[in-house]
Protein backbone atom coordinates (compact mmCIF):
# COMPACT_ATOMS: atom_id res chain seq x y z
CA MET A 1 -9.53 84.03 202.48
CA ASN A 2 -12.90 84.96 200.82
CA GLU A 3 -15.34 82.57 200.09
CA LYS A 4 -17.98 82.37 197.65
CA PRO A 5 -21.37 82.34 199.67
CA PHE A 6 -23.65 79.06 198.43
CA LYS A 7 -26.76 80.42 196.73
CA THR A 8 -30.22 78.31 196.36
CA TYR A 9 -31.85 78.28 192.84
CA ASP A 10 -33.92 81.09 193.81
CA GLU A 11 -31.22 83.18 195.22
CA GLN A 12 -29.30 82.80 191.89
CA ILE A 13 -32.78 83.89 190.20
CA GLU A 14 -32.96 86.99 192.19
CA LEU A 15 -29.05 88.07 191.69
CA LEU A 16 -29.53 87.54 188.12
CA LYS A 17 -32.60 89.73 188.28
CA SER A 18 -30.91 92.33 190.51
CA ARG A 19 -27.98 92.76 187.77
CA GLY A 20 -30.64 93.61 184.68
CA LEU A 21 -31.25 89.91 183.40
CA LYS A 22 -35.08 89.49 182.34
CA ILE A 23 -36.44 86.67 183.74
CA THR A 24 -40.01 85.95 182.41
CA SER A 25 -40.65 82.87 184.18
CA ASN A 26 -39.32 81.80 187.50
CA ASN A 27 -40.18 78.26 187.16
CA VAL A 28 -38.43 77.67 183.47
CA ALA A 29 -35.32 79.47 184.96
CA LEU A 30 -35.52 77.10 187.67
CA LYS A 31 -35.90 73.97 185.67
CA ILE A 32 -33.40 75.17 183.34
CA LEU A 33 -30.63 75.66 186.45
CA LYS A 34 -31.41 72.38 187.87
CA GLU A 35 -30.66 70.72 184.58
CA GLU A 36 -27.91 73.03 183.10
CA ASN A 37 -25.71 74.15 186.19
CA TYR A 38 -25.89 78.17 187.02
CA TYR A 39 -22.03 77.91 186.21
CA ASN A 40 -22.38 76.18 182.80
CA VAL A 41 -24.86 78.43 181.54
CA ILE A 42 -24.25 81.77 183.37
CA ASN A 43 -20.49 82.49 183.70
CA GLY A 44 -19.86 80.22 180.40
CA TYR A 45 -22.08 82.81 178.18
CA LYS A 46 -23.07 86.01 179.94
CA ASP A 47 -20.18 87.90 178.30
CA LEU A 48 -21.81 88.99 175.32
CA PHE A 49 -24.82 90.31 177.46
CA LEU A 50 -22.73 92.27 179.65
CA ASP A 51 -22.87 95.90 179.49
CA LYS A 52 -19.14 96.60 179.13
CA SER A 53 -19.54 100.44 180.33
CA SER A 54 -20.30 98.95 183.66
CA ASP A 55 -17.53 97.71 185.99
CA GLU A 56 -19.88 95.12 187.93
CA ASP A 57 -21.59 92.38 186.07
CA LYS A 58 -24.61 94.48 184.68
CA TYR A 59 -26.56 92.88 181.51
CA LYS A 60 -27.36 95.47 178.58
CA ILE A 61 -30.93 96.50 178.50
CA GLY A 62 -33.19 94.12 177.33
CA SER A 63 -31.23 90.92 177.89
CA ASP A 64 -32.92 88.05 178.63
CA PHE A 65 -32.09 84.79 180.29
CA MET A 66 -33.20 82.87 177.61
CA GLU A 67 -30.96 84.50 175.32
CA VAL A 68 -28.05 83.21 177.55
CA VAL A 69 -29.60 79.71 177.61
CA ALA A 70 -29.88 79.92 173.41
CA LEU A 71 -26.12 80.86 173.06
CA TYR A 72 -25.38 78.11 175.26
CA ARG A 73 -27.21 75.62 173.83
CA PHE A 74 -26.13 76.84 170.28
CA ASP A 75 -22.77 76.13 171.70
CA ARG A 76 -23.61 72.54 172.68
CA GLU A 77 -25.08 71.87 169.48
CA ILE A 78 -22.22 72.88 167.27
CA ARG A 79 -19.58 71.18 169.51
CA ASN A 80 -21.22 68.25 168.55
CA LEU A 81 -20.98 69.13 164.79
CA PHE A 82 -17.62 69.85 164.84
CA LEU A 83 -16.55 66.92 167.02
CA LYS A 84 -18.25 64.61 164.41
CA GLU A 85 -16.57 65.80 161.54
CA ILE A 86 -13.11 65.73 163.62
CA LEU A 87 -13.79 62.03 164.41
CA LYS A 88 -13.96 61.52 160.98
CA ILE A 89 -10.64 63.06 160.15
CA GLU A 90 -9.24 61.30 163.08
CA ASN A 91 -10.23 57.99 162.00
CA LYS A 92 -8.94 58.40 158.37
CA LEU A 93 -5.53 59.85 159.90
CA ARG A 94 -5.37 56.63 162.15
CA SER A 95 -6.22 54.38 159.17
CA LEU A 96 -3.58 56.10 156.51
CA ILE A 97 -0.94 56.64 159.29
CA SER A 98 -0.93 52.92 160.31
CA TYR A 99 -0.89 51.65 156.73
CA THR A 100 1.71 53.65 155.71
CA PHE A 101 4.15 53.43 158.61
CA SER A 102 3.37 49.54 158.38
CA GLU A 103 4.03 49.17 154.63
CA LYS A 104 7.10 50.33 154.95
CA TYR A 105 8.86 49.15 158.35
CA GLY A 106 6.69 45.83 158.94
CA ASN A 107 4.28 44.80 161.23
CA ASP A 108 6.00 44.87 164.68
CA ASN A 109 8.86 47.97 163.95
CA TYR A 110 6.71 51.15 164.75
CA LEU A 111 8.75 51.23 167.68
CA LYS A 112 12.16 51.87 166.47
CA PHE A 113 13.78 54.85 167.12
CA ASP A 114 15.42 54.91 163.68
CA ASN A 115 12.03 54.71 161.65
CA PHE A 116 11.30 58.21 162.65
CA GLU A 117 12.67 61.62 161.69
CA THR A 118 15.96 62.14 163.77
CA LEU A 119 17.39 64.73 162.03
CA GLU A 120 20.73 62.95 161.76
CA GLY A 121 22.68 64.64 158.71
CA SER A 122 20.32 67.18 158.16
CA GLY A 123 22.66 69.86 158.94
CA THR A 124 20.74 70.91 162.05
CA LYS A 125 21.98 72.11 165.76
CA PRO A 126 23.13 69.31 167.64
CA LYS A 127 21.18 70.66 170.61
CA ASN A 128 17.90 70.05 168.38
CA ILE A 129 18.82 66.64 167.28
CA GLU A 130 18.89 65.92 170.99
CA LYS A 131 15.83 67.49 171.68
CA ARG A 132 14.07 65.67 168.67
CA ALA A 133 15.77 62.26 169.96
CA GLY A 134 13.90 63.12 173.12
CA HIS A 135 10.63 63.61 171.68
CA ILE A 136 10.72 60.52 169.77
CA HIS A 137 11.89 58.65 173.19
CA GLU A 138 9.02 60.25 174.66
CA LEU A 139 6.54 58.85 171.85
CA ILE A 140 8.13 55.49 172.08
CA ALA A 141 7.27 55.58 175.83
CA GLU A 142 3.78 56.59 175.41
CA MET A 143 3.08 53.99 172.87
CA GLN A 144 4.62 50.93 175.11
CA LYS A 145 2.40 52.71 177.98
CA ASP A 146 -0.99 52.40 175.92
CA LEU A 147 0.21 49.01 174.69
CA ALA A 148 0.63 47.83 178.19
CA TYR A 149 -2.77 49.35 179.09
CA SER A 150 -4.46 47.79 176.01
CA ILE A 151 -3.29 44.50 176.42
CA ASP A 152 -4.69 44.35 179.94
CA LYS A 153 -7.81 46.23 179.33
CA LYS A 154 -9.13 45.33 175.66
CA GLU A 155 -9.83 41.88 174.57
CA TYR A 156 -8.80 42.23 171.05
CA ILE A 157 -5.44 43.62 171.86
CA LYS A 158 -4.58 40.68 174.16
CA HIS A 159 -5.80 38.25 171.28
CA TYR A 160 -3.55 39.42 169.06
CA MET A 161 -0.60 39.62 171.66
CA ASN A 162 -1.32 36.06 172.65
CA LYS A 163 -1.77 34.51 168.96
CA TYR A 164 0.87 36.49 167.11
CA GLY A 165 3.20 37.80 170.04
CA PHE A 166 3.19 41.29 168.87
CA ILE A 167 0.42 44.13 168.21
CA PRO A 168 0.50 45.37 164.95
CA LEU A 169 0.19 49.06 164.49
CA TRP A 170 -3.25 49.09 162.91
CA VAL A 171 -4.52 47.38 165.60
CA LEU A 172 -3.09 49.52 168.65
CA ILE A 173 -3.42 52.89 166.47
CA ASN A 174 -7.10 52.83 167.80
CA SER A 175 -5.94 52.74 171.26
CA ILE A 176 -3.78 55.88 171.19
CA THR A 177 -5.60 59.24 171.86
CA PHE A 178 -5.32 62.10 169.16
CA GLY A 179 -2.88 63.83 170.82
CA THR A 180 -0.31 60.81 170.45
CA LEU A 181 -1.30 60.62 166.79
CA SER A 182 -0.92 64.13 166.16
CA LYS A 183 2.59 63.53 168.09
CA PHE A 184 3.34 60.48 165.72
CA TYR A 185 2.81 62.28 162.22
CA SER A 186 4.94 64.97 163.26
CA LEU A 187 8.08 62.73 164.17
CA MET A 188 7.32 60.64 160.89
CA LYS A 189 9.97 61.06 158.36
CA PRO A 190 9.02 63.62 155.91
CA GLN A 191 8.56 61.10 153.10
CA ASP A 192 6.01 59.16 155.07
CA GLN A 193 4.25 62.40 156.47
CA ASN A 194 4.01 63.27 152.39
CA ILE A 195 2.28 60.18 151.44
CA VAL A 196 -0.54 60.82 154.42
CA ALA A 197 -0.85 64.42 153.59
CA LYS A 198 -1.43 63.85 149.59
CA ASN A 199 -4.23 61.73 150.83
CA PHE A 200 -5.75 64.84 151.90
CA GLY A 201 -4.55 67.29 149.39
CA VAL A 202 -2.04 68.97 151.63
CA VAL A 203 1.42 69.36 152.03
CA GLU A 204 2.81 67.71 155.22
CA ASN A 205 3.86 70.76 157.21
CA ASP A 206 0.26 71.91 156.79
CA LEU A 207 -1.32 68.65 157.90
CA LYS A 208 1.00 68.58 160.78
CA GLN A 209 -0.52 71.82 162.10
CA TYR A 210 -3.77 71.00 161.17
CA ILE A 211 -3.70 68.04 163.17
CA ASN A 212 -1.83 69.60 166.01
CA ILE A 213 -5.05 72.01 166.09
CA LEU A 214 -7.81 69.30 165.69
CA SER A 215 -6.41 67.50 168.49
CA SER A 216 -6.74 70.27 171.13
CA ILE A 217 -10.18 71.12 169.61
CA ARG A 218 -11.31 67.29 169.72
CA ASN A 219 -10.38 67.52 173.37
CA LEU A 220 -12.41 70.58 173.97
CA CYS A 221 -15.61 69.20 172.25
CA ALA A 222 -15.26 65.55 173.87
CA HIS A 223 -15.05 67.14 177.46
CA GLY A 224 -17.97 69.57 176.91
CA GLU A 225 -16.07 72.67 176.80
CA ARG A 226 -17.12 75.84 175.41
CA ILE A 227 -15.96 76.50 171.73
CA TYR A 228 -17.82 79.37 170.03
CA ASN A 229 -15.54 81.86 171.15
CA LEU A 230 -12.01 79.73 171.50
CA LYS A 231 -8.98 81.14 170.88
CA LEU A 232 -6.15 79.38 170.32
CA GLU A 233 -2.53 79.54 171.60
CA LYS A 234 0.08 80.75 169.12
CA THR A 235 1.58 77.27 169.07
CA LYS A 236 -1.60 76.20 167.31
CA ASN A 237 -2.55 79.09 165.15
CA MET A 238 -3.96 78.22 161.65
CA PRO A 239 -1.54 78.68 158.56
CA ASN A 240 -2.76 81.02 155.84
CA SER A 241 -4.64 79.28 153.18
CA ASN A 242 -6.23 80.27 149.94
CA TYR A 243 -9.73 80.50 151.78
CA HIS A 244 -8.33 83.42 153.79
CA LYS A 245 -7.42 85.23 150.46
CA PHE A 246 -10.63 84.14 148.49
CA LEU A 247 -12.68 85.59 151.28
CA LYS A 248 -10.66 88.89 151.32
CA ILE A 249 -10.25 88.80 155.14
CA PRO A 250 -8.09 91.68 156.26
CA ILE A 251 -4.36 91.51 157.49
CA ASN A 252 -3.63 92.80 160.76
CA LYS A 253 -0.87 95.24 160.07
CA GLU A 254 0.97 94.51 163.29
CA SER A 255 1.39 90.87 163.40
CA MET A 256 0.90 90.41 159.20
CA ARG A 257 -1.75 87.74 159.93
CA TYR A 258 -5.38 87.76 158.81
CA GLU A 259 -7.72 88.89 161.52
CA ASN A 260 -10.20 85.81 161.04
CA GLY A 261 -9.52 82.32 160.66
CA ILE A 262 -6.21 82.07 162.54
CA ASN A 263 -7.09 81.19 166.37
CA ASP A 264 -10.60 81.32 166.18
CA LEU A 265 -13.54 78.80 165.37
CA PHE A 266 -13.54 79.98 162.02
CA ALA A 267 -9.76 78.50 161.59
CA ILE A 268 -11.36 75.21 162.85
CA PHE A 269 -14.12 75.79 159.81
CA ILE A 270 -11.54 76.28 157.45
CA ILE A 271 -9.47 73.31 158.35
CA LEU A 272 -12.70 71.17 158.03
CA LYS A 273 -13.36 72.42 154.67
CA ILE A 274 -9.65 71.80 153.30
CA LEU A 275 -9.71 67.94 154.77
CA LEU A 276 -13.21 67.08 154.42
CA PRO A 277 -14.53 65.42 151.13
CA ARG A 278 -16.86 68.08 149.35
CA LYS A 279 -19.98 66.35 149.95
CA GLU A 280 -19.35 65.67 153.79
CA PHE A 281 -18.50 69.26 154.26
CA ASN A 282 -21.49 70.47 152.82
CA SER A 283 -23.32 68.17 154.95
CA PHE A 284 -21.64 69.95 157.97
CA TYR A 285 -22.08 73.26 156.60
CA ASN A 286 -25.61 73.13 156.02
CA ASN A 287 -26.19 71.63 159.70
CA LEU A 288 -24.24 74.58 160.92
CA ASN A 289 -25.88 76.97 159.02
CA PHE A 290 -29.00 75.64 160.36
CA GLU A 291 -28.04 76.22 164.07
CA ILE A 292 -27.08 79.71 163.16
CA LYS A 293 -30.41 80.55 161.97
CA LEU A 294 -32.22 79.13 164.93
CA LEU A 295 -30.07 80.98 167.30
CA SER A 296 -30.52 84.40 165.50
CA ARG A 297 -34.22 84.10 165.69
CA LYS A 298 -33.76 83.96 169.54
CA LEU A 299 -31.71 86.95 169.95
CA THR A 300 -32.94 90.07 170.85
CA SER A 301 -30.64 92.16 172.88
CA ILE A 302 -27.53 91.31 170.80
CA SER A 303 -27.40 90.26 167.02
CA ILE A 304 -25.96 87.05 165.53
CA VAL A 305 -23.13 89.28 164.37
CA ASP A 306 -22.05 90.00 167.73
CA VAL A 307 -21.75 86.09 167.84
CA TYR A 308 -20.06 85.72 164.62
CA LYS A 309 -17.31 88.15 166.08
CA SER A 310 -16.74 85.68 168.89
CA MET A 311 -16.62 82.84 166.63
CA GLY A 312 -14.21 84.70 164.23
CA PHE A 313 -16.80 84.18 161.19
CA PRO A 314 -16.43 86.95 158.52
CA LYS A 315 -19.52 88.31 157.22
CA LYS A 316 -19.09 86.46 153.80
CA TRP A 317 -18.11 83.28 155.61
CA ARG A 318 -21.19 81.34 153.12
CA MET A 319 -18.85 81.85 150.53
CA ILE A 320 -16.43 79.47 151.43
CA ARG A 321 -18.66 76.75 150.38
CA LYS A 322 -18.16 78.08 146.54
CA ASN A 323 -14.49 77.74 146.61
CA TYR A 324 -13.02 74.30 146.25
CA LYS A 325 -9.29 75.38 146.04
CA LYS A 326 -6.71 73.67 148.07
CA SER A 327 -4.61 75.59 150.73
């Protein structure tokens, strides 16, 4: 078994230099590597700077260590920007889902099987009805687990249980994960989903997919994962929207899907455009645009266009701000 040998900071710096990466100040590089970790900065963000014609890790002529660091820090800043807006949407979803469900089914009835979409009587194949039943039971089990944990760990949950003998959904809703919240919405009855979706100005099936996508991105952001060049799995691809059409994004002839805004960061950008109030989206847009311009000024061996391609942002992405059609 080949083990990767440990390298000191000085050895890491010399390795980068030997691969063609310009390092003007060893002291600055040393400080950054101590603070940020070689793997996080280099292995996570080197790809755009590598010479693709080389079989080894060789950097393009003129590539500078501080460019890689700039891309790394850019990713961290936009990750925080995206997370902030996703949390706003998540909070609104928690409020709307708990209110809609509680209004219809009561304070303590949210763990009842029949209050979810069982597909019974829908003409669906028996195996799919059985599969849906399994998903509902899994959700109820997850909710019960979250409830038991919260009673033990959270004082306000314990207070409700001791005083009323049950925990209302609008109280428990803040203790479940975004993933569980996404699953909860996906298993609600269509008429209940529609009530929630109308508050965002979208149809329930699109909102279901948006939530599914955002729950994954939220986890990436919360754990400090790289997002600027993310690629969503097929089950989490973005539905087509009016914004794709408005921006005249080309369609891939093989997949018949848009080339941008389907499985990349631009897809998340479009979802935020759709779900956020105009004022909040504009503020997010301005902050993101600022970070992009800041990064652009720090790049020398590559251009911001290279970063756009990794992000899935089309050339005229800024035009989206001028269009307010719903998807």
